[in-house]
Amino acid sequence: MDLYFKPEDAAFRDEVRAFLDEKLTPELREAGKLTTSVFTDKQWNLAWQKVLYEKGWVAPNWPAEYGGTGWTEMQKYIFASECARAGTPHLSPMGLRMCGPMLMKFGTTEQKEFYLPRILSGEDYWCQGYSEPGSGSDLASLQCKAVRDGDEYVINGTKIWTTHAHFANRMFCLVRTDTSGKPQQGITFVLIDMDTPGIKIDPIITLAGEHEVNQVFFDDVRVPVANRVGEENDGWTVAKYLLEFERGGSSAPGLWEGVEKIRAVAEGEQAGTGQRLIDDAAFARKLADTEIELKSIEMTEHRVMAELAGGKNPGPASSMLKTKGTEMRQRLDEIAIETIAYYAGVDQMDAREPGSNVKPIGPAEGMVFMPSYLNNRAASIYGGSNEVQRNIMAKLVLGL
């Protein structure tokens, strides 16, 4: 594992910075800075995806043969770090980071030829049909049922916490096709057109007041068998592979950006006091302790990068990074709330809209602190709860 930039890496970093300076418009930069979860609204994430697509930089983690960049692991990390530093909108991970890599491994030739170019261009916008009421971390207990009728599956049931389903035109979905054996053995992976008759989407408004997630209902929804990925009743294998990419990924650059936002507010004068919070020894020590632990997460990511460079999958390390990364995110959110004190209680939905003329109450950087705190309470649950991740690590890493 080499942590030092080679001359070509430094040159690539400069190239990325120049590109971001040129292409990241004030509107896109503002949309990125106002993002309060892993998802930026579709309007802005697709606008940024179009810019990256035209440059050929939209899918750094894809193989070059499928439209990826062919970058080294260090180049990918540099790109992620510079995007976090610049505050770019977050691209939706559903297609580019999850569905695409899954199709490369398990999709038919026809599926890959049809879907992968559309994922790259943003023509298809995906959502994930995994969780159900009562089936979240215990995903194998899902009950959304699919019955085969000739060349089609007829699907009935519901999915919940379906992020951006109200924007999506495609869903990758797990359905129950057999109840005779172990729960994991009766699940099938299908791709669904969201315009299919019988699909109903109800919004779920989050604690932060945002419409990001939904409940989706299926009433005799007919899906072609040709839309199945993998074999019938073997969807659990496909789903587990996809989850490695949902749980993995580089989190340290975004977390460091969170530290810088907190520091910027803490270095400003606290309202009516004439004091700076960063000069308080207890607060400064708390922030320093957090930075030390964040550095350990960053080093773990570098170790995973070294393994990926050798052609390995993230494996159980993705569970480790998911657990530590989300817990660090939540810790930073708590420190951020402490930083802005009573301003955290102000609802500023209108001021947080990109292009808004509403003046922020309190530090402008702090507008997103409370909604981020509320949204990220779910971070240690989605993608497999951290309790489940620890079980995975105990089994696959420690051999317990």
Protein backbone atom coordinates (compact mmCIF):
# COMPACT_ATOMS: atom_id res chain seq x y z
CA MET A 1 0.00 0.00 0.00
CA ASP A 2 1.66 3.22 -1.21
CA LEU A 3 0.13 6.34 0.40
CA TYR A 4 2.32 8.84 -1.42
CA PHE A 5 1.42 10.57 -4.67
CA LYS A 6 3.48 9.69 -7.67
CA PRO A 7 4.08 12.54 -10.14
CA GLU A 8 1.35 11.18 -12.40
CA ASP A 9 -1.10 11.14 -9.48
CA ALA A 10 -0.35 14.78 -8.67
CA ALA A 11 -0.85 15.66 -12.32
CA PHE A 12 -4.18 13.80 -12.34
CA ARG A 13 -5.28 15.67 -9.20
CA ASP A 14 -4.53 18.97 -10.93
CA GLU A 15 -6.49 17.83 -13.98
CA VAL A 16 -9.49 16.96 -11.83
CA ARG A 17 -9.35 20.30 -10.00
CA ALA A 18 -9.21 22.19 -13.29
CA PHE A 19 -12.19 20.23 -14.61
CA LEU A 20 -14.23 20.93 -11.47
CA ASP A 21 -13.34 24.61 -11.53
CA GLU A 22 -14.57 24.82 -15.12
CA LYS A 23 -17.66 22.58 -15.07
CA LEU A 24 -19.05 22.86 -11.55
CA THR A 25 -21.40 25.80 -11.99
CA PRO A 26 -22.47 27.92 -8.98
CA GLU A 27 -25.91 26.26 -9.14
CA LEU A 28 -24.47 22.74 -9.09
CA ARG A 29 -22.03 23.68 -6.34
CA GLU A 30 -24.86 25.11 -4.24
CA ALA A 31 -27.00 21.99 -4.79
CA GLY A 32 -24.10 19.85 -3.63
CA LYS A 33 -23.45 21.93 -0.53
CA LEU A 34 -27.15 21.81 0.44
CA THR A 35 -27.44 18.02 0.10
CA THR A 36 -28.45 16.50 3.43
CA SER A 37 -28.16 12.77 2.67
CA VAL A 38 -26.41 10.40 0.27
CA PHE A 39 -28.96 11.48 -2.36
CA THR A 40 -29.08 14.85 -4.09
CA ASP A 41 -32.43 15.63 -5.75
CA LYS A 42 -32.78 14.13 -9.21
CA GLN A 43 -32.77 17.51 -11.00
CA TRP A 44 -29.28 18.26 -9.78
CA ASN A 45 -27.67 14.83 -9.64
CA LEU A 46 -28.71 14.12 -13.24
CA ALA A 47 -27.42 17.53 -14.36
CA TRP A 48 -24.03 16.71 -12.84
CA GLN A 49 -24.15 13.16 -14.24
CA LYS A 50 -24.62 14.62 -17.73
CA VAL A 51 -21.48 16.72 -17.31
CA LEU A 52 -19.46 13.71 -16.16
CA TYR A 53 -20.94 11.50 -18.90
CA GLU A 54 -19.82 13.93 -21.60
CA LYS A 55 -16.33 13.90 -20.10
CA GLY A 56 -16.29 10.09 -19.82
CA TRP A 57 -15.89 10.27 -16.03
CA VAL A 58 -19.32 9.15 -14.88
CA ALA A 59 -18.41 5.61 -13.79
CA PRO A 60 -14.89 5.47 -12.31
CA ASN A 61 -15.51 2.04 -10.77
CA TRP A 62 -16.74 0.38 -13.98
CA PRO A 63 -14.40 -1.60 -16.22
CA ALA A 64 -13.32 0.34 -19.30
CA GLU A 65 -15.03 -2.21 -21.56
CA TYR A 66 -18.40 -1.12 -20.16
CA GLY A 67 -17.74 2.62 -20.27
CA GLY A 68 -15.60 3.05 -17.16
CA THR A 69 -12.57 5.30 -16.89
CA GLY A 70 -9.84 2.68 -16.54
CA TRP A 71 -8.42 4.65 -13.60
CA THR A 72 -6.17 3.19 -10.95
CA GLU A 73 -7.51 2.85 -7.41
CA MET A 74 -5.49 5.91 -6.41
CA GLN A 75 -7.01 7.94 -9.24
CA LYS A 76 -10.50 6.90 -8.14
CA TYR A 77 -9.73 7.99 -4.61
CA ILE A 78 -8.29 11.31 -5.79
CA PHE A 79 -11.40 11.96 -7.87
CA ALA A 80 -13.74 11.16 -4.94
CA SER A 81 -11.68 13.37 -2.63
CA GLU A 82 -11.67 16.32 -5.00
CA CYS A 83 -15.41 16.01 -5.66
CA ALA A 84 -16.05 16.03 -1.89
CA ARG A 85 -13.77 19.04 -1.46
CA ALA A 86 -15.52 20.94 -4.24
CA GLY A 87 -19.01 20.01 -3.00
CA THR A 88 -20.36 18.35 -6.14
CA PRO A 89 -23.91 16.96 -6.16
CA HIS A 90 -24.07 13.28 -5.19
CA LEU A 91 -24.80 10.99 -8.13
CA SER A 92 -27.56 8.50 -7.42
CA PRO A 93 -25.80 5.27 -6.39
CA MET A 94 -28.65 2.95 -7.39
CA GLY A 95 -27.71 2.58 -11.04
CA LEU A 96 -24.04 3.47 -11.25
CA ARG A 97 -22.79 1.89 -8.02
CA MET A 98 -25.22 -0.99 -7.46
CA CYS A 99 -27.30 -2.13 -10.43
CA GLY A 100 -24.56 -1.65 -13.03
CA PRO A 101 -21.86 -3.78 -11.34
CA MET A 102 -24.48 -6.42 -10.53
CA LEU A 103 -25.53 -6.66 -14.19
CA MET A 104 -21.91 -6.96 -15.30
CA LYS A 105 -21.57 -10.12 -13.21
CA PHE A 106 -25.02 -11.72 -13.40
CA GLY A 107 -26.85 -10.08 -16.32
CA THR A 108 -27.41 -11.71 -19.69
CA THR A 109 -25.72 -10.26 -22.75
CA GLU A 110 -29.02 -8.70 -23.79
CA GLN A 111 -29.53 -7.13 -20.35
CA LYS A 112 -26.05 -5.68 -20.29
CA GLU A 113 -26.32 -4.27 -23.81
CA PHE A 114 -29.67 -2.66 -23.05
CA TYR A 115 -29.32 -1.36 -19.50
CA LEU A 116 -25.66 -0.42 -19.01
CA PRO A 117 -25.53 2.40 -21.61
CA ARG A 118 -28.79 3.79 -20.22
CA ILE A 119 -27.39 3.77 -16.68
CA LEU A 120 -24.31 5.65 -17.82
CA SER A 121 -26.27 8.33 -19.68
CA GLY A 122 -28.88 8.74 -16.94
CA GLU A 123 -31.69 7.71 -19.28
CA ASP A 124 -32.68 5.10 -16.71
CA TYR A 125 -33.05 6.23 -13.10
CA TRP A 126 -33.19 3.34 -10.63
CA CYS A 127 -34.66 2.61 -7.23
CA GLN A 128 -34.18 -0.44 -5.01
CA GLY A 129 -36.99 -2.82 -4.05
CA TYR A 130 -35.53 -4.68 -1.08
CA SER A 131 -37.01 -3.71 2.32
CA GLU A 132 -40.62 -4.42 3.26
CA PRO A 133 -42.67 -3.69 6.38
CA GLY A 134 -41.22 -6.24 8.81
CA SER A 135 -38.38 -7.24 6.44
CA GLY A 136 -35.48 -4.84 6.67
CA SER A 137 -32.31 -6.15 8.24
CA ASP A 138 -33.90 -9.62 8.14
CA LEU A 139 -34.28 -9.27 4.40
CA ALA A 140 -34.66 -13.01 3.78
CA SER A 141 -38.11 -12.83 5.43
CA LEU A 142 -39.51 -10.74 2.56
CA GLN A 143 -43.02 -11.66 1.37
CA CYS A 144 -43.60 -9.65 -1.83
CA LYS A 145 -44.77 -12.54 -4.01
CA ALA A 146 -44.19 -13.35 -7.66
CA VAL A 147 -46.13 -16.15 -9.38
CA ARG A 148 -45.06 -17.29 -12.82
CA ASP A 149 -47.69 -17.10 -15.56
CA GLY A 150 -46.16 -18.21 -18.84
CA ASP A 151 -43.49 -15.72 -19.85
CA GLU A 152 -44.36 -13.31 -17.05
CA TYR A 153 -44.22 -13.01 -13.27
CA VAL A 154 -47.30 -11.61 -11.54
CA ILE A 155 -46.15 -9.60 -8.51
CA ASN A 156 -48.23 -8.66 -5.45
CA GLY A 157 -47.00 -7.05 -2.25
CA THR A 158 -45.20 -3.94 -1.08
CA LYS A 159 -41.76 -2.40 -0.62
CA ILE A 160 -40.89 0.36 1.83
CA TRP A 161 -38.21 3.03 2.36
CA THR A 162 -37.80 3.03 -1.43
CA THR A 163 -35.52 5.99 -2.04
CA HIS A 164 -36.38 8.16 -5.06
CA ALA A 165 -39.08 5.75 -6.28
CA HIS A 166 -41.12 8.84 -7.19
CA PHE A 167 -38.34 9.83 -9.61
CA ALA A 168 -37.35 6.39 -10.89
CA ASN A 169 -38.39 4.71 -14.12
CA ARG A 170 -36.72 1.38 -13.15
CA MET A 171 -36.50 -0.77 -10.04
CA PHE A 172 -34.29 -3.74 -9.20
CA CYS A 173 -36.35 -5.86 -6.88
CA LEU A 174 -36.36 -9.02 -4.76
CA VAL A 175 -39.53 -11.13 -4.84
CA ARG A 176 -40.65 -14.37 -3.20
CA THR A 177 -41.05 -17.18 -5.75
CA ASP A 178 -40.90 -20.21 -3.43
CA THR A 179 -41.85 -20.86 0.20
CA SER A 180 -40.95 -24.55 0.46
CA GLY A 181 -37.33 -24.33 1.63
CA LYS A 182 -35.07 -21.95 3.52
CA PRO A 183 -36.14 -18.30 3.11
CA GLN A 184 -33.00 -17.38 1.16
CA GLN A 185 -33.62 -20.17 -1.35
CA GLY A 186 -36.99 -18.88 -2.54
CA ILE A 187 -36.05 -15.35 -3.63
CA THR A 188 -35.75 -14.12 -7.22
CA PHE A 189 -34.13 -10.94 -8.56
CA VAL A 190 -36.14 -9.01 -11.19
CA LEU A 191 -35.94 -5.68 -13.02
CA ILE A 192 -39.20 -3.72 -13.13
CA ASP A 193 -40.39 -0.88 -15.36
CA MET A 194 -41.99 1.60 -12.95
CA ASP A 195 -44.62 2.55 -15.58
CA THR A 196 -46.06 -0.97 -15.45
CA PRO A 197 -49.78 -0.98 -14.55
CA GLY A 198 -50.52 -1.92 -10.94
CA ILE A 199 -47.66 0.04 -9.30
CA LYS A 200 -48.64 2.67 -6.75
CA ILE A 201 -46.17 4.98 -4.95
CA ASP A 202 -47.01 6.66 -1.64
CA PRO A 203 -44.61 9.29 -0.22
CA ILE A 204 -43.00 9.00 3.22
CA ILE A 205 -41.90 12.37 4.61
CA THR A 206 -38.76 12.10 6.72
CA LEU A 207 -38.07 13.72 10.09
CA ALA A 208 -36.15 16.38 8.16
CA GLY A 209 -39.35 17.27 6.29
CA GLU A 210 -38.05 15.92 2.98
CA HIS A 211 -39.67 13.60 0.46
CA GLU A 212 -36.87 11.16 -0.24
CA VAL A 213 -38.37 7.74 0.54
CA ASN A 214 -41.62 6.01 -0.35
CA GLN A 215 -43.75 2.91 0.01
CA VAL A 216 -44.41 1.09 -3.25
CA PHE A 217 -47.41 -1.23 -3.75
CA PHE A 218 -47.70 -3.96 -6.40
CA ASP A 219 -51.16 -5.14 -7.47
CA ASP A 220 -50.96 -7.89 -10.12
CA VAL A 221 -47.92 -6.25 -11.70
CA ARG A 222 -46.74 -8.24 -14.72
CA VAL A 223 -43.00 -8.43 -15.33
CA PRO A 224 -41.43 -10.39 -18.20
CA VAL A 225 -39.40 -13.43 -17.17
CA ALA A 226 -36.72 -11.96 -19.46
CA ASN A 227 -36.28 -9.28 -16.77
CA ARG A 228 -35.08 -11.83 -14.24
CA VAL A 229 -31.39 -11.61 -13.28
CA GLY A 230 -29.85 -14.96 -12.46
CA GLU A 231 -31.83 -18.12 -11.95
CA GLU A 232 -35.28 -18.35 -10.37
CA ASN A 233 -35.03 -18.77 -6.58
CA ASP A 234 -31.34 -17.76 -6.65
CA GLY A 235 -31.85 -14.02 -6.22
CA TRP A 236 -30.21 -14.08 -2.80
CA THR A 237 -26.85 -14.72 -4.45
CA VAL A 238 -27.34 -11.71 -6.72
CA ALA A 239 -28.57 -9.52 -3.85
CA LYS A 240 -25.59 -10.32 -1.61
CA TYR A 241 -23.17 -9.39 -4.37
CA LEU A 242 -24.96 -6.08 -4.97
CA LEU A 243 -24.92 -5.26 -1.24
CA GLU A 244 -21.12 -5.40 -1.23
CA PHE A 245 -21.21 -2.31 -3.45
CA GLU A 246 -23.99 -0.61 -1.46
CA ARG A 247 -22.08 -1.04 1.79
CA GLY A 248 -18.66 -0.32 0.39
CA GLY A 249 -17.37 2.74 -1.37
CA SER A 250 -15.18 5.59 -0.24
CA SER A 251 -16.64 7.48 2.74
CA ALA A 252 -13.58 9.25 4.17
CA PRO A 253 -13.49 12.15 1.64
CA GLY A 254 -17.08 13.11 2.45
CA LEU A 255 -16.47 12.75 6.17
CA TRP A 256 -13.45 15.02 6.00
CA GLU A 257 -15.60 17.58 4.20
CA GLY A 258 -18.03 17.33 7.13
CA VAL A 259 -15.18 18.10 9.52
CA GLU A 260 -14.27 21.19 7.50
CA LYS A 261 -17.87 22.45 7.59
CA ILE A 262 -17.93 22.09 11.36
CA ARG A 263 -14.56 23.80 11.69
CA ALA A 264 -15.69 26.72 9.51
CA VAL A 265 -18.66 27.38 11.80
CA ALA A 266 -16.67 26.80 15.01
CA GLU A 267 -14.01 29.28 13.89
CA GLY A 268 -16.63 32.00 13.47
CA GLU A 269 -17.82 34.22 16.28
CA GLN A 270 -20.64 32.69 18.32
CA ALA A 271 -23.71 34.93 18.27
CA GLY A 272 -23.64 37.56 21.00
CA THR A 273 -20.63 36.11 22.84
CA GLY A 274 -17.57 37.51 21.12
CA GLN A 275 -16.06 34.02 21.52
CA ARG A 276 -15.08 31.30 19.05
CA LEU A 277 -16.17 27.75 19.83
CA ILE A 278 -12.95 26.35 18.37
CA ASP A 279 -11.08 28.10 21.21
CA ASP A 280 -12.96 26.04 23.81
CA ALA A 281 -10.53 23.33 24.93
CA ALA A 282 -13.18 20.65 25.46
CA PHE A 283 -14.73 21.21 22.02
CA ALA A 284 -11.35 21.34 20.29
CA ARG A 285 -10.35 18.07 21.96
CA LYS A 286 -13.60 16.40 20.88
CA LEU A 287 -13.07 17.47 17.28
CA ALA A 288 -9.43 16.32 17.38
CA ASP A 289 -10.41 12.90 18.76
CA THR A 290 -12.90 12.55 15.93
CA GLU A 291 -10.27 13.43 13.35
CA ILE A 292 -7.94 10.76 14.74
CA GLU A 293 -10.61 8.09 14.37
CA LEU A 294 -11.49 9.37 10.92
CA LYS A 295 -7.85 8.95 9.92
CA SER A 296 -8.09 5.28 10.94
CA ILE A 297 -11.13 4.87 8.68
CA GLU A 298 -9.19 6.49 5.86
CA MET A 299 -6.28 4.08 6.35
CA THR A 300 -8.69 1.12 6.27
CA GLU A 301 -10.08 2.42 2.99
CA HIS A 302 -6.54 2.61 1.64
CA ARG A 303 -6.01 -1.04 2.57
CA VAL A 304 -9.20 -1.97 0.72
CA MET A 305 -8.00 0.08 -2.25
CA ALA A 306 -4.80 -1.95 -2.30
CA GLU A 307 -6.82 -5.19 -2.35
CA LEU A 308 -9.11 -3.90 -5.09
CA ALA A 309 -6.06 -3.00 -7.13
CA GLY A 310 -5.16 -6.69 -6.89
CA GLY A 311 -8.51 -7.68 -8.41
CA LYS A 312 -10.33 -8.64 -5.20
CA ASN A 313 -13.91 -7.72 -4.20
CA PRO A 314 -14.60 -5.61 -1.08
CA GLY A 315 -15.94 -8.72 0.73
CA PRO A 316 -16.48 -8.39 4.50
CA ALA A 317 -14.33 -5.24 4.58
CA SER A 318 -17.34 -3.45 3.10
CA SER A 319 -19.25 -4.30 6.29
CA MET A 320 -16.42 -2.88 8.39
CA LEU A 321 -16.32 0.37 6.45
CA LYS A 322 -20.11 0.65 6.38
CA THR A 323 -20.26 0.30 10.16
CA LYS A 324 -17.44 2.68 11.03
CA GLY A 325 -18.30 5.17 8.31
CA THR A 326 -21.95 5.55 9.31
CA GLU A 327 -21.15 5.76 13.01
CA MET A 328 -18.57 8.45 12.27
CA ARG A 329 -21.13 10.30 10.16
CA GLN A 330 -23.54 10.29 13.08
CA ARG A 331 -20.85 11.46 15.50
CA LEU A 332 -20.00 14.38 13.21
CA ASP A 333 -23.70 15.24 12.99
CA GLU A 334 -23.89 15.42 16.78
CA ILE A 335 -20.85 17.71 16.95
CA ALA A 336 -22.35 19.85 14.17
CA ILE A 337 -25.55 20.34 16.19
CA GLU A 338 -23.46 21.36 19.20
CA THR A 339 -21.61 23.82 16.98
CA ILE A 340 -24.68 25.81 15.88
CA ALA A 341 -26.51 25.44 19.23
CA TYR A 342 -30.01 26.97 19.18
CA TYR A 343 -29.88 27.65 15.41
CA ALA A 344 -30.34 23.89 15.01
CA GLY A 345 -34.00 24.27 15.98
CA VAL A 346 -34.87 26.58 13.08
CA ASP A 347 -36.75 24.99 10.17
CA GLN A 348 -35.16 26.46 7.04
CA MET A 349 -36.61 24.34 4.24
CA ASP A 350 -37.12 27.36 1.96
CA ALA A 351 -33.61 28.69 2.52
CA ARG A 352 -32.14 25.26 1.73
CA GLU A 353 -33.57 25.22 -1.81
CA PRO A 354 -30.84 25.83 -4.42
CA GLY A 355 -31.27 29.35 -5.82
CA SER A 356 -33.41 30.50 -2.88
CA ASN A 357 -33.46 34.18 -1.98
CA VAL A 358 -34.44 33.41 1.63
CA LYS A 359 -31.74 34.61 4.00
CA PRO A 360 -30.41 31.89 6.33
CA ILE A 361 -30.89 32.25 10.06
CA GLY A 362 -27.52 31.70 11.69
CA PRO A 363 -24.38 30.52 9.85
CA ALA A 364 -25.17 29.61 6.24
CA GLU A 365 -23.04 26.47 6.48
CA GLY A 366 -25.12 25.35 9.45
CA MET A 367 -28.45 25.24 7.60
CA VAL A 368 -27.89 21.60 6.68
CA PHE A 369 -26.68 20.45 10.10
CA MET A 370 -30.06 19.55 11.65
CA PRO A 371 -31.64 17.94 8.53
CA SER A 372 -28.40 15.99 8.00
CA TYR A 373 -28.50 14.85 11.63
CA LEU A 374 -32.11 13.68 11.27
CA ASN A 375 -31.57 12.02 7.89
CA ASN A 376 -28.39 10.25 8.94
CA ARG A 377 -29.97 8.60 11.97
CA ALA A 378 -30.97 5.97 9.40
CA ALA A 379 -27.41 5.54 8.11
CA SER A 380 -26.63 2.81 10.65
CA ILE A 381 -29.78 0.94 9.55
CA TYR A 382 -30.02 1.15 5.76
CA GLY A 383 -27.83 -1.08 3.63
CA GLY A 384 -28.04 -3.68 6.41
CA SER A 385 -28.08 -2.50 10.03
CA ASN A 386 -24.76 -2.14 11.82
CA GLU A 387 -25.76 -4.96 14.16
CA VAL A 388 -26.05 -7.24 11.12
CA GLN A 389 -22.72 -5.92 9.80
CA ARG A 390 -21.04 -6.91 13.07
CA ASN A 391 -22.47 -10.42 12.74
CA ILE A 392 -21.03 -10.61 9.22
CA MET A 393 -17.61 -9.46 10.45
CA ALA A 394 -17.72 -11.92 13.35
CA LYS A 395 -18.43 -14.79 10.98
CA LEU A 396 -16.28 -13.95 7.95
CA VAL A 397 -13.38 -12.10 9.57
CA LEU A 398 -13.11 -13.59 13.04
CA GLY A 399 -14.47 -17.04 12.17
CA LEU A 400 -16.94 -17.05 15.08
